[in-house]
């Protein structure tokens, strides 16, 4: 399944309009939020707060089935495919479908010869 919300600048896809809006800010050159640990700059506060989890090793997003913790909701959502038969990533060259985008990218090398 293709991500329906596309960035008009870089064509990156997103699952929700909220995620697209957050991403659009990354094309903004102004980055007023700075990490006090490593100095990395961000366009908006939620990104800085999510980034700070790297430094604290905090993993607030928990898998209800395995109890495994993740530091982002996106990582947890990606992990959830382990528990289902859902295969949202489809190859445009053949009928194969994959649970993770990284598996699809690896598979597509068969078709491109990379």
PDB file of N, CA and C in Angstrom:
ATOM      1  N   UNK A   1       0.846  -1.180   0.000  1.00  0.00           N
ATOM      2  CA  UNK A   1       0.000   0.000   0.000  1.00  0.00           C
ATOM      3  C   UNK A   1       0.889   1.241   0.000  1.00  0.00           C
ATOM      4  N   UNK A   2       0.624   2.119  -0.912  1.00  0.00           N
ATOM      5  CA  UNK A   2       1.428   3.330  -1.033  1.00  0.00           C
ATOM      6  C   UNK A   2       0.959   4.376  -0.026  1.00  0.00           C
ATOM      7  N   UNK A   3       1.903   5.108   0.534  1.00  0.00           N
ATOM      8  CA  UNK A   3       1.561   6.169   1.476  1.00  0.00           C
ATOM      9  C   UNK A   3       0.862   7.288   0.707  1.00  0.00           C
ATOM     10  N   UNK A   4      -0.364   7.638   1.107  1.00  0.00           N
ATOM     11  CA  UNK A   4      -1.186   8.538   0.294  1.00  0.00           C
ATOM     12  C   UNK A   4      -0.838  10.018   0.360  1.00  0.00           C
ATOM     13  N   UNK A   5      -0.144  10.466   1.382  1.00  0.00           N
ATOM     14  CA  UNK A   5       0.142  11.897   1.543  1.00  0.00           C
ATOM     15  C   UNK A   5       1.566  12.159   1.071  1.00  0.00           C
ATOM     16  N   UNK A   6       1.723  12.927  -0.020  1.00  0.00           N
ATOM     17  CA  UNK A   6       3.032  13.173  -0.637  1.00  0.00           C
ATOM     18  C   UNK A   6       3.496  14.602  -0.422  1.00  0.00           C
ATOM     19  N   UNK A   7       4.797  14.733  -0.160  1.00  0.00           N
ATOM     20  CA  UNK A   7       5.422  16.042  -0.040  1.00  0.00           C
ATOM     21  C   UNK A   7       5.564  16.637  -1.438  1.00  0.00           C
ATOM     22  N   UNK A   8       5.156  17.885  -1.600  1.00  0.00           N
ATOM     23  CA  UNK A   8       5.259  18.558  -2.887  1.00  0.00           C
ATOM     24  C   UNK A   8       6.673  18.961  -3.253  1.00  0.00           C
ATOM     25  N   UNK A   9       7.579  18.935  -2.280  1.00  0.00           N
ATOM     26  CA  UNK A   9       8.963  19.334  -2.538  1.00  0.00           C
ATOM     27  C   UNK A   9       9.822  18.140  -2.928  1.00  0.00           C
ATOM     28  N   UNK A  10       9.743  17.045  -2.141  1.00  0.00           N
ATOM     29  CA  UNK A  10      10.642  15.911  -2.376  1.00  0.00           C
ATOM     30  C   UNK A  10       9.918  14.613  -2.729  1.00  0.00           C
ATOM     31  N   UNK A  11       8.575  14.641  -2.753  1.00  0.00           N
ATOM     32  CA  UNK A  11       7.757  13.479  -3.114  1.00  0.00           C
ATOM     33  C   UNK A  11       7.785  12.340  -2.089  1.00  0.00           C
ATOM     34  N   UNK A  12       8.347  12.547  -0.910  1.00  0.00           N
ATOM     35  CA  UNK A  12       8.330  11.528   0.128  1.00  0.00           C
ATOM     36  C   UNK A  12       6.890  11.308   0.577  1.00  0.00           C
ATOM     37  N   UNK A  13       6.505  10.035   0.829  1.00  0.00           N
ATOM     38  CA  UNK A  13       5.141   9.709   1.202  1.00  0.00           C
ATOM     39  C   UNK A  13       4.955   9.546   2.705  1.00  0.00           C
ATOM     40  N   UNK A  14       3.734   9.808   3.164  1.00  0.00           N
ATOM     41  CA  UNK A  14       3.403   9.704   4.590  1.00  0.00           C
ATOM     42  C   UNK A  14       2.029   9.078   4.761  1.00  0.00           C
ATOM     43  N   UNK A  15       1.814   8.464   5.929  1.00  0.00           N
ATOM     44  CA  UNK A  15       0.553   7.800   6.224  1.00  0.00           C
ATOM     45  C   UNK A  15      -0.528   8.784   6.674  1.00  0.00           C
ATOM     46  N   UNK A  16      -0.150   9.951   7.149  1.00  0.00           N
ATOM     47  CA  UNK A  16      -1.156  10.888   7.649  1.00  0.00           C
ATOM     48  C   UNK A  16      -0.803  12.320   7.242  1.00  0.00           C
ATOM     49  N   UNK A  17      -1.810  13.182   7.182  1.00  0.00           N
ATOM     50  CA  UNK A  17      -1.531  14.583   6.850  1.00  0.00           C
ATOM     51  C   UNK A  17      -0.710  15.259   7.941  1.00  0.00           C
ATOM     52  N   UNK A  18      -0.858  14.814   9.190  1.00  0.00           N
ATOM     53  CA  UNK A  18      -0.062  15.380  10.287  1.00  0.00           C
ATOM     54  C   UNK A  18       1.424  15.105  10.051  1.00  0.00           C
ATOM     55  N   UNK A  19       1.755  13.855   9.719  1.00  0.00           N
ATOM     56  CA  UNK A  19       3.160  13.514   9.465  1.00  0.00           C
ATOM     57  C   UNK A  19       3.709  14.299   8.280  1.00  0.00           C
ATOM     58  N   UNK A  20       2.881  14.508   7.261  1.00  0.00           N
ATOM     59  CA  UNK A  20       3.308  15.306   6.114  1.00  0.00           C
ATOM     60  C   UNK A  20       3.601  16.741   6.534  1.00  0.00           C
ATOM     61  N   UNK A  21       2.731  17.334   7.351  1.00  0.00           N
ATOM     62  CA  UNK A  21       2.958  18.710   7.810  1.00  0.00           C
ATOM     63  C   UNK A  21       4.256  18.821   8.608  1.00  0.00           C
ATOM     64  N   UNK A  22       4.491  17.857   9.489  1.00  0.00           N
ATOM     65  CA  UNK A  22       5.736  17.851  10.270  1.00  0.00           C
ATOM     66  C   UNK A  22       6.931  17.762   9.320  1.00  0.00           C
ATOM     67  N   UNK A  23       6.839  16.885   8.329  1.00  0.00           N
ATOM     68  CA  UNK A  23       7.929  16.732   7.365  1.00  0.00           C
ATOM     69  C   UNK A  23       8.171  18.008   6.571  1.00  0.00           C
ATOM     70  N   UNK A  24       7.109  18.683   6.172  1.00  0.00           N
ATOM     71  CA  UNK A  24       7.254  19.916   5.373  1.00  0.00           C
ATOM     72  C   UNK A  24       8.134  20.937   6.081  1.00  0.00           C
ATOM     73  N   UNK A  25       8.079  20.930   7.403  1.00  0.00           N
ATOM     74  CA  UNK A  25       8.920  21.853   8.160  1.00  0.00           C
ATOM     75  C   UNK A  25      10.407  21.567   7.956  1.00  0.00           C
ATOM     76  N   UNK A  26      10.741  20.331   7.605  1.00  0.00           N
ATOM     77  CA  UNK A  26      12.157  19.987   7.395  1.00  0.00           C
ATOM     78  C   UNK A  26      12.729  20.713   6.181  1.00  0.00           C
ATOM     79  N   UNK A  27      11.882  21.167   5.285  1.00  0.00           N
ATOM     80  CA  UNK A  27      12.346  21.927   4.125  1.00  0.00           C
ATOM     81  C   UNK A  27      12.554  23.401   4.467  1.00  0.00           C
ATOM     82  N   UNK A  28      12.123  23.784   5.653  1.00  0.00           N
ATOM     83  CA  UNK A  28      12.310  25.143   6.143  1.00  0.00           C
ATOM     84  C   UNK A  28      13.771  25.289   6.591  1.00  0.00           C
ATOM     85  N   UNK A  29      14.405  26.361   6.247  1.00  0.00           N
ATOM     86  CA  UNK A  29      15.813  26.537   6.617  1.00  0.00           C
ATOM     87  C   UNK A  29      15.980  27.004   8.061  1.00  0.00           C
ATOM     88  N   UNK A  30      14.929  27.537   8.669  1.00  0.00           N
ATOM     89  CA  UNK A  30      15.012  27.994  10.049  1.00  0.00           C
ATOM     90  C   UNK A  30      14.860  26.805  10.995  1.00  0.00           C
ATOM     91  N   UNK A  31      15.838  26.630  11.890  1.00  0.00           N
ATOM     92  CA  UNK A  31      15.808  25.537  12.854  1.00  0.00           C
ATOM     93  C   UNK A  31      16.079  26.112  14.245  1.00  0.00           C
ATOM     94  N   UNK A  32      15.026  26.570  14.910  1.00  0.00           N
ATOM     95  CA  UNK A  32      15.205  27.280  16.176  1.00  0.00           C
ATOM     96  C   UNK A  32      15.416  26.379  17.405  1.00  0.00           C
ATOM     97  N   UNK A  33      15.251  25.058  17.275  1.00  0.00           N
ATOM     98  CA  UNK A  33      15.377  24.168  18.425  1.00  0.00           C
ATOM     99  C   UNK A  33      16.666  23.365  18.331  1.00  0.00           C
ATOM    100  N   UNK A  34      17.524  23.514  19.357  1.00  0.00           N
ATOM    101  CA  UNK A  34      18.849  22.896  19.342  1.00  0.00           C
ATOM    102  C   UNK A  34      19.004  21.913  20.492  1.00  0.00           C
ATOM    103  N   UNK A  35      19.556  20.745  20.202  1.00  0.00           N
ATOM    104  CA  UNK A  35      19.825  19.735  21.227  1.00  0.00           C
ATOM    105  C   UNK A  35      20.969  20.224  22.107  1.00  0.00           C
ATOM    106  N   UNK A  36      20.747  20.209  23.409  1.00  0.00           N
ATOM    107  CA  UNK A  36      21.773  20.683  24.341  1.00  0.00           C
ATOM    108  C   UNK A  36      22.912  19.683  24.501  1.00  0.00           C
ATOM    109  N   UNK A  37      22.724  18.452  24.035  1.00  0.00           N
ATOM    110  CA  UNK A  37      23.763  17.425  24.169  1.00  0.00           C
ATOM    111  C   UNK A  37      24.698  17.412  22.959  1.00  0.00           C
ATOM    112  N   UNK A  38      24.121  17.342  21.765  1.00  0.00           N
ATOM    113  CA  UNK A  38      24.962  17.190  20.568  1.00  0.00           C
ATOM    114  C   UNK A  38      24.926  18.386  19.624  1.00  0.00           C
ATOM    115  N   UNK A  39      24.024  19.331  19.860  1.00  0.00           N
ATOM    116  CA  UNK A  39      23.978  20.521  19.027  1.00  0.00           C
ATOM    117  C   UNK A  39      23.169  20.404  17.748  1.00  0.00           C
ATOM    118  N   UNK A  40      22.565  19.243  17.500  1.00  0.00           N
ATOM    119  CA  UNK A  40      21.745  19.091  16.294  1.00  0.00           C
ATOM    120  C   UNK A  40      20.549  20.028  16.383  1.00  0.00           C
ATOM    121  N   UNK A  41      20.191  20.622  15.241  1.00  0.00           N
ATOM    122  CA  UNK A  41      19.112  21.610  15.212  1.00  0.00           C
ATOM    123  C   UNK A  41      17.866  21.032  14.554  1.00  0.00           C
ATOM    124  N   UNK A  42      16.689  21.531  15.022  1.00  0.00           N
ATOM    125  CA  UNK A  42      15.411  21.024  14.545  1.00  0.00           C
ATOM    126  C   UNK A  42      14.473  22.168  14.215  1.00  0.00           C
ATOM    127  N   UNK A  43      13.534  21.892  13.305  1.00  0.00           N
ATOM    128  CA  UNK A  43      12.577  22.897  12.874  1.00  0.00           C
ATOM    129  C   UNK A  43      11.421  23.067  13.843  1.00  0.00           C
ATOM    130  N   UNK A  44      11.148  22.040  14.647  1.00  0.00           N
ATOM    131  CA  UNK A  44      10.053  22.160  15.611  1.00  0.00           C
ATOM    132  C   UNK A  44      10.337  21.330  16.867  1.00  0.00           C
ATOM    133  N   UNK A  45       9.712  21.717  17.944  1.00  0.00           N
ATOM    134  CA  UNK A  45       9.971  21.139  19.263  1.00  0.00           C
ATOM    135  C   UNK A  45       9.713  19.638  19.346  1.00  0.00           C
ATOM    136  N   UNK A  46       8.610  19.102  18.806  1.00  0.00           N
ATOM    137  CA  UNK A  46       8.411  17.644  18.912  1.00  0.00           C
ATOM    138  C   UNK A  46       9.565  16.823  18.343  1.00  0.00           C
ATOM    139  N   UNK A  47      10.191  17.309  17.292  1.00  0.00           N
ATOM    140  CA  UNK A  47      11.345  16.588  16.726  1.00  0.00           C
ATOM    141  C   UNK A  47      12.517  16.594  17.692  1.00  0.00           C
ATOM    142  N   UNK A  48      12.758  17.720  18.341  1.00  0.00           N
ATOM    143  CA  UNK A  48      13.826  17.788  19.340  1.00  0.00           C
ATOM    144  C   UNK A  48      13.533  16.850  20.501  1.00  0.00           C
ATOM    145  N   UNK A  49      12.300  16.849  20.970  1.00  0.00           N
ATOM    146  CA  UNK A  49      11.939  15.976  22.094  1.00  0.00           C
ATOM    147  C   UNK A  49      12.101  14.498  21.724  1.00  0.00           C
ATOM    148  N   UNK A  50      11.695  14.132  20.509  1.00  0.00           N
ATOM    149  CA  UNK A  50      11.877  12.757  20.050  1.00  0.00           C
ATOM    150  C   UNK A  50      13.367  12.431  19.931  1.00  0.00           C
ATOM    151  N   UNK A  51      14.142  13.371  19.425  1.00  0.00           N
ATOM    152  CA  UNK A  51      15.592  13.193  19.294  1.00  0.00           C
ATOM    153  C   UNK A  51      16.253  12.976  20.655  1.00  0.00           C
ATOM    154  N   UNK A  52      15.795  13.709  21.674  1.00  0.00           N
ATOM    155  CA  UNK A  52      16.392  13.594  23.007  1.00  0.00           C
ATOM    156  C   UNK A  52      16.331  12.177  23.559  1.00  0.00           C
ATOM    157  N   UNK A  53      15.382  11.365  23.091  1.00  0.00           N
ATOM    158  CA  UNK A  53      15.273   9.978  23.541  1.00  0.00           C
ATOM    159  C   UNK A  53      16.519   9.174  23.181  1.00  0.00           C
ATOM    160  N   UNK A  54      17.214   9.593  22.134  1.00  0.00           N
ATOM    161  CA  UNK A  54      18.466   8.926  21.746  1.00  0.00           C
ATOM    162  C   UNK A  54      19.492   9.058  22.864  1.00  0.00           C
ATOM    163  N   UNK A  55      19.564  10.231  23.453  1.00  0.00           N
ATOM    164  CA  UNK A  55      20.563  10.489  24.481  1.00  0.00           C
ATOM    165  C   UNK A  55      20.193   9.880  25.834  1.00  0.00           C
ATOM    166  N   UNK A  56      18.896   9.760  26.114  1.00  0.00           N
ATOM    167  CA  UNK A  56      18.461   9.217  27.406  1.00  0.00           C
ATOM    168  C   UNK A  56      18.233   7.713  27.350  1.00  0.00           C
ATOM    169  N   UNK A  57      18.227   7.159  26.136  1.00  0.00           N
ATOM    170  CA  UNK A  57      17.944   5.743  25.903  1.00  0.00           C
ATOM    171  C   UNK A  57      16.536   5.360  26.379  1.00  0.00           C
ATOM    172  N   UNK A  58      15.664   6.362  26.488  1.00  0.00           N
ATOM    173  CA  UNK A  58      14.286   6.117  26.886  1.00  0.00           C
ATOM    174  C   UNK A  58      13.533   5.495  25.715  1.00  0.00           C
ATOM    175  N   UNK A  59      12.704   4.503  26.011  1.00  0.00           N
ATOM    176  CA  UNK A  59      11.908   3.816  24.987  1.00  0.00           C
ATOM    177  C   UNK A  59      10.465   3.721  25.466  1.00  0.00           C
ATOM    178  N   UNK A  60       9.696   4.800  25.291  1.00  0.00           N
ATOM    179  CA  UNK A  60       8.359   4.856  25.864  1.00  0.00           C
ATOM    180  C   UNK A  60       7.263   4.108  25.083  1.00  0.00           C
ATOM    181  N   UNK A  61       7.565   3.608  23.887  1.00  0.00           N
ATOM    182  CA  UNK A  61       6.546   2.952  23.071  1.00  0.00           C
ATOM    183  C   UNK A  61       6.708   1.438  23.178  1.00  0.00           C
ATOM    184  N   UNK A  62       5.706   0.767  23.760  1.00  0.00           N
ATOM    185  CA  UNK A  62       5.820  -0.640  24.117  1.00  0.00           C
ATOM    186  C   UNK A  62       4.898  -1.525  23.269  1.00  0.00           C
ATOM    187  N   UNK A  63       5.445  -2.632  22.790  1.00  0.00           N
ATOM    188  CA  UNK A  63       4.670  -3.631  22.071  1.00  0.00           C
ATOM    189  C   UNK A  63       3.802  -4.379  23.083  1.00  0.00           C
ATOM    190  N   UNK A  64       2.508  -4.393  22.841  1.00  0.00           N
ATOM    191  CA  UNK A  64       1.587  -5.029  23.784  1.00  0.00           C
ATOM    192  C   UNK A  64       1.703  -6.551  23.773  1.00  0.00           C
ATOM    193  N   UNK A  65       2.256  -7.116  22.714  1.00  0.00           N
ATOM    194  CA  UNK A  65       2.367  -8.578  22.639  1.00  0.00           C
ATOM    195  C   UNK A  65       3.676  -9.107  23.213  1.00  0.00           C
ATOM    196  N   UNK A  66       4.777  -8.482  22.887  1.00  0.00           N
ATOM    197  CA  UNK A  66       6.079  -8.968  23.339  1.00  0.00           C
ATOM    198  C   UNK A  66       6.646  -8.184  24.514  1.00  0.00           C
ATOM    199  N   UNK A  67       6.158  -6.975  24.724  1.00  0.00           N
ATOM    200  CA  UNK A  67       6.709  -6.144  25.788  1.00  0.00           C
ATOM    201  C   UNK A  67       7.991  -5.425  25.388  1.00  0.00           C
ATOM    202  N   UNK A  68       8.362  -5.522  24.119  1.00  0.00           N
ATOM    203  CA  UNK A  68       9.554  -4.840  23.619  1.00  0.00           C
ATOM    204  C   UNK A  68       9.278  -3.342  23.544  1.00  0.00           C
ATOM    205  N   UNK A  69      10.236  -2.542  23.948  1.00  0.00           N
ATOM    206  CA  UNK A  69      10.081  -1.090  23.928  1.00  0.00           C
ATOM    207  C   UNK A  69      10.821  -0.464  22.753  1.00  0.00           C
ATOM    208  N   UNK A  70      10.254   0.635  22.251  1.00  0.00           N
ATOM    209  CA  UNK A  70      10.832   1.361  21.126  1.00  0.00           C
ATOM    210  C   UNK A  70      10.889   2.841  21.458  1.00  0.00           C
ATOM    211  N   UNK A  71      11.838   3.562  20.825  1.00  0.00           N
ATOM    212  CA  UNK A  71      11.961   4.988  21.141  1.00  0.00           C
ATOM    213  C   UNK A  71      11.130   5.877  20.239  1.00  0.00           C
ATOM    214  N   UNK A  72      10.415   5.300  19.269  1.00  0.00           N
ATOM    215  CA  UNK A  72       9.512   6.123  18.451  1.00  0.00           C
ATOM    216  C   UNK A  72       8.265   5.320  18.104  1.00  0.00           C
ATOM    217  N   UNK A  73       7.174   6.037  17.895  1.00  0.00           N
ATOM    218  CA  UNK A  73       5.929   5.371  17.510  1.00  0.00           C
ATOM    219  C   UNK A  73       6.072   4.734  16.128  1.00  0.00           C
ATOM    220  N   UNK A  74       6.892   5.339  15.252  1.00  0.00           N
ATOM    221  CA  UNK A  74       7.113   4.779  13.925  1.00  0.00           C
ATOM    222  C   UNK A  74       7.807   3.424  14.015  1.00  0.00           C
ATOM    223  N   UNK A  75       8.791   3.305  14.913  1.00  0.00           N
ATOM    224  CA  UNK A  75       9.479   2.024  15.087  1.00  0.00           C
ATOM    225  C   UNK A  75       8.520   0.961  15.620  1.00  0.00           C
ATOM    226  N   UNK A  76       7.664   1.352  16.557  1.00  0.00           N
ATOM    227  CA  UNK A  76       6.673   0.413  17.084  1.00  0.00           C
ATOM    228  C   UNK A  76       5.709  -0.013  15.984  1.00  0.00           C
ATOM    229  N   UNK A  77       5.225   0.930  15.177  1.00  0.00           N
ATOM    230  CA  UNK A  77       4.299   0.594  14.092  1.00  0.00           C
ATOM    231  C   UNK A  77       4.955  -0.357  13.091  1.00  0.00           C
ATOM    232  N   UNK A  78       6.205  -0.126  12.792  1.00  0.00           N
ATOM    233  CA  UNK A  78       6.925  -1.004  11.879  1.00  0.00           C
ATOM    234  C   UNK A  78       7.058  -2.402  12.481  1.00  0.00           C
ATOM    235  N   UNK A  79       7.347  -2.465  13.764  1.00  0.00           N
ATOM    236  CA  UNK A  79       7.484  -3.749  14.456  1.00  0.00           C
ATOM    237  C   UNK A  79       6.177  -4.535  14.448  1.00  0.00           C
ATOM    238  N   UNK A  80       5.036  -3.855  14.528  1.00  0.00           N
ATOM    239  CA  UNK A  80       3.739  -4.526  14.630  1.00  0.00           C
ATOM    240  C   UNK A  80       3.470  -5.457  13.447  1.00  0.00           C
ATOM    241  N   UNK A  81       4.131  -5.233  12.319  1.00  0.00           N
ATOM    242  CA  UNK A  81       3.961  -6.123  11.167  1.00  0.00           C
ATOM    243  C   UNK A  81       4.406  -7.543  11.490  1.00  0.00           C
ATOM    244  N   UNK A  82       5.273  -7.707  12.473  1.00  0.00           N
ATOM    245  CA  UNK A  82       5.717  -9.038  12.894  1.00  0.00           C
ATOM    246  C   UNK A  82       4.518  -9.863  13.356  1.00  0.00           C
ATOM    247  N   UNK A  83       3.545  -9.217  13.972  1.00  0.00           N
ATOM    248  CA  UNK A  83       2.413  -9.908  14.575  1.00  0.00           C
ATOM    249  C   UNK A  83       1.235 -10.104  13.626  1.00  0.00           C
ATOM    250  N   UNK A  84       1.329  -9.598  12.410  1.00  0.00           N
ATOM    251  CA  UNK A  84       0.215  -9.709  11.459  1.00  0.00           C
ATOM    252  C   UNK A  84       0.717 -10.294  10.149  1.00  0.00           C
ATOM    253  N   UNK A  85      -0.197 -10.588   9.287  1.00  0.00           N
ATOM    254  CA  UNK A  85       0.152 -11.041   7.939  1.00  0.00           C
ATOM    255  C   UNK A  85       0.164  -9.868   6.956  1.00  0.00           C
ATOM    256  N   UNK A  86      -0.037  -8.657   7.477  1.00  0.00           N
ATOM    257  CA  UNK A  86      -0.073  -7.473   6.623  1.00  0.00           C
ATOM    258  C   UNK A  86       1.268  -7.275   5.922  1.00  0.00           C
ATOM    259  N   UNK A  87       1.190  -7.025   4.640  1.00  0.00           N
ATOM    260  CA  UNK A  87       2.370  -6.755   3.814  1.00  0.00           C
ATOM    261  C   UNK A  87       2.071  -5.510   2.981  1.00  0.00           C
ATOM    262  N   UNK A  88       2.278  -4.325   3.590  1.00  0.00           N
ATOM    263  CA  UNK A  88       1.851  -3.089   2.929  1.00  0.00           C
ATOM    264  C   UNK A  88       2.756  -2.591   1.804  1.00  0.00           C
ATOM    265  N   UNK A  89       3.918  -3.186   1.632  1.00  0.00           N
ATOM    266  CA  UNK A  89       4.866  -2.688   0.629  1.00  0.00           C
ATOM    267  C   UNK A  89       4.905  -3.639  -0.559  1.00  0.00           C
ATOM    268  N   UNK A  90       4.482  -3.155  -1.726  1.00  0.00           N
ATOM    269  CA  UNK A  90       4.397  -4.023  -2.905  1.00  0.00           C
ATOM    270  C   UNK A  90       5.409  -3.607  -3.966  1.00  0.00           C
ATOM    271  N   UNK A  91       5.917  -4.611  -4.639  1.00  0.00           N
ATOM    272  CA  UNK A  91       6.884  -4.398  -5.716  1.00  0.00           C
ATOM    273  C   UNK A  91       6.135  -3.913  -6.956  1.00  0.00           C
ATOM    274  N   UNK A  92       6.649  -2.893  -7.603  1.00  0.00           N
ATOM    275  CA  UNK A  92       6.018  -2.356  -8.808  1.00  0.00           C
ATOM    276  C   UNK A  92       6.373  -3.176 -10.051  1.00  0.00           C
ATOM    277  N   UNK A  93       7.313  -4.127  -9.900  1.00  0.00           N
ATOM    278  CA  UNK A  93       7.746  -4.935 -11.037  1.00  0.00           C
ATOM    279  C   UNK A  93       7.110  -6.317 -11.071  1.00  0.00           C
ATOM    280  N   UNK A  94       6.670  -6.805  -9.909  1.00  0.00           N
ATOM    281  CA  UNK A  94       6.069  -8.137  -9.828  1.00  0.00           C
ATOM    282  C   UNK A  94       4.993  -8.127  -8.740  1.00  0.00           C
ATOM    283  N   UNK A  95       4.493  -9.284  -8.380  1.00  0.00           N
ATOM    284  CA  UNK A  95       3.376  -9.360  -7.429  1.00  0.00           C
ATOM    285  C   UNK A  95       3.813  -9.531  -5.975  1.00  0.00           C
ATOM    286  N   UNK A  96       5.093  -9.564  -5.706  1.00  0.00           N
ATOM    287  CA  UNK A  96       5.559  -9.771  -4.332  1.00  0.00           C
ATOM    288  C   UNK A  96       5.235  -8.583  -3.438  1.00  0.00           C
ATOM    289  N   UNK A  97       4.920  -8.908  -2.164  1.00  0.00           N
ATOM    290  CA  UNK A  97       4.608  -7.889  -1.159  1.00  0.00           C
ATOM    291  C   UNK A  97       5.479  -8.153   0.064  1.00  0.00           C
ATOM    292  N   UNK A  98       5.757  -7.067   0.834  1.00  0.00           N
ATOM    293  CA  UNK A  98       6.682  -7.163   1.954  1.00  0.00           C
ATOM    294  C   UNK A  98       6.154  -6.453   3.191  1.00  0.00           C
ATOM    295  N   UNK A  99       6.617  -6.906   4.343  1.00  0.00           N
ATOM    296  CA  UNK A  99       6.216  -6.306   5.616  1.00  0.00           C
ATOM    297  C   UNK A  99       6.960  -5.001   5.879  1.00  0.00           C
ATOM    298  N   UNK A 100       8.179  -4.891   5.366  1.00  0.00           N
ATOM    299  CA  UNK A 100       9.004  -3.715   5.637  1.00  0.00           C
ATOM    300  C   UNK A 100       9.503  -3.105   4.330  1.00  0.00           C
ATOM    301  N   UNK A 101       9.626  -1.782   4.337  1.00  0.00           N
ATOM    302  CA  UNK A 101      10.101  -1.093   3.139  1.00  0.00           C
ATOM    303  C   UNK A 101      11.539  -1.488   2.807  1.00  0.00           C
ATOM    304  N   UNK A 102      12.335  -1.769   3.840  1.00  0.00           N
ATOM    305  CA  UNK A 102      13.726  -2.169   3.587  1.00  0.00           C
ATOM    306  C   UNK A 102      13.794  -3.502   2.829  1.00  0.00           C
ATOM    307  N   UNK A 103      12.864  -4.410   3.125  1.00  0.00           N
ATOM    308  CA  UNK A 103      12.821  -5.689   2.400  1.00  0.00           C
ATOM    309  C   UNK A 103      12.430  -5.473   0.943  1.00  0.00           C
ATOM    310  N   UNK A 104      11.492  -4.560   0.722  1.00  0.00           N
ATOM    311  CA  UNK A 104      11.097  -4.243  -0.648  1.00  0.00           C
ATOM    312  C   UNK A 104      12.268  -3.653  -1.424  1.00  0.00           C
ATOM    313  N   UNK A 105      12.985  -2.697  -0.822  1.00  0.00           N
ATOM    314  CA  UNK A 105      14.120  -2.080  -1.507  1.00  0.00           C
ATOM    315  C   UNK A 105      15.180  -3.116  -1.867  1.00  0.00           C
ATOM    316  N   UNK A 106      15.445  -4.040  -0.950  1.00  0.00           N
ATOM    317  CA  UNK A 106      16.426  -5.103  -1.209  1.00  0.00           C
ATOM    318  C   UNK A 106      15.942  -5.985  -2.368  1.00  0.00           C
ATOM    319  N   UNK A 107      14.665  -6.355  -2.341  1.00  0.00           N
ATOM    320  CA  UNK A 107      14.085  -7.181  -3.400  1.00  0.00           C
ATOM    321  C   UNK A 107      14.163  -6.495  -4.760  1.00  0.00           C
ATOM    322  N   UNK A 108      13.880  -5.196  -4.810  1.00  0.00           N
ATOM    323  CA  UNK A 108      13.836  -4.485  -6.086  1.00  0.00           C
ATOM    324  C   UNK A 108      15.176  -4.481  -6.804  1.00  0.00           C
ATOM    325  N   UNK A 109      16.234  -4.746  -6.092  1.00  0.00           N
ATOM    326  CA  UNK A 109      17.558  -4.820  -6.726  1.00  0.00           C
ATOM    327  C   UNK A 109      17.623  -5.981  -7.720  1.00  0.00           C
ATOM    328  N   UNK A 110      16.788  -7.000  -7.495  1.00  0.00           N
ATOM    329  CA  UNK A 110      16.713  -8.119  -8.441  1.00  0.00           C
ATOM    330  C   UNK A 110      16.278  -7.597  -9.810  1.00  0.00           C
ATOM    331  N   UNK A 111      15.316  -6.701  -9.792  1.00  0.00           N
ATOM    332  CA  UNK A 111      14.774  -6.173 -11.053  1.00  0.00           C
ATOM    333  C   UNK A 111      15.681  -5.127 -11.685  1.00  0.00           C
ATOM    334  N   UNK A 112      16.394  -4.351 -10.862  1.00  0.00           N
ATOM    335  CA  UNK A 112      17.224  -3.283 -11.405  1.00  0.00           C
ATOM    336  C   UNK A 112      18.648  -3.740 -11.731  1.00  0.00           C
ATOM    337  N   UNK A 113      19.037  -4.896 -11.203  1.00  0.00           N
ATOM    338  CA  UNK A 113      20.370  -5.409 -11.460  1.00  0.00           C
ATOM    339  C   UNK A 113      21.448  -4.808 -10.581  1.00  0.00           C
ATOM    340  N   UNK A 114      21.074  -4.044  -9.576  1.00  0.00           N
ATOM    341  CA  UNK A 114      22.067  -3.428  -8.672  1.00  0.00           C
ATOM    342  C   UNK A 114      22.718  -4.504  -7.821  1.00  0.00           C
TER     343      UNK A 114
END
